[in-house]
């Protein structure tokens, strides 16, 4: 099928570019790794004083770090496409025999693969540093969840970058979006500890349900309704993000 071949071609091209210039991969890893090594001991210490084991503390903390990685590892990828639009590369791709929708899909799949690699590194470092134990099935489900979330953020990032076409506009817009998403999701600590007004405010944040679901998956609890709510939410966000990406790319040549 031509569309799949075109997606594969874009994916391979973008992946080779990432391999040749891996700086961004390590830069996006710095924040969650910093939290793991500098904030993780605080979380473990707080848990110990409260009678909570290290494993239980990490089972709440590390899923949040993985979600943070998916957020900050993909939501800024739109910067690259702004430069491609400015240099005329996107226009040349759009008038080529390539299926125009394959361009963003291929780019987003590259971003997901990079994110999965980063997530595996983060889990491995958590095991080395703190002795984190996680079963293969839970780790696989977490990687699937994080990959889907990263693909959503990447598509939204590309769509917004195509619409704004300027780093000066894109950077503050992304910061304005990402900061509330992070603070109202319970990434660092579960929002069950928050006052009622903050807990209620966070209920409008779709990332809150995904973070809660990731913590449940991490400990192998698949019966909680929160997981199914998160799956439905992710499915809806995937559809919306793809629609936004396709709609934005249709307007490049206009």
Foldseek 3Di string as FASTA:
>chain_A
DQLVVLLVVLLVVVLVVCVVPVPLLVVLLVVLVCCCVPVLVVQQVVCVVVVHHSQLSCLLQLLLSLLSSLQSLALQVLVVVLVCLVVCVLVVVPPDPHDNLSNLSSNLLNSLVSSLVSSVVSVVVNCVPPVHDFDPQLNVVSSVLSSLSSSLSNLQNNLVCLVVSDPVVSVVVSVVPRPVLSVLQQSRHQCVPPDPVSVVVSVVRLNNLSSVLSSCSRVPNPPDVSVVVNVVVSVVSSVVSSVSNVVSSVPSVD
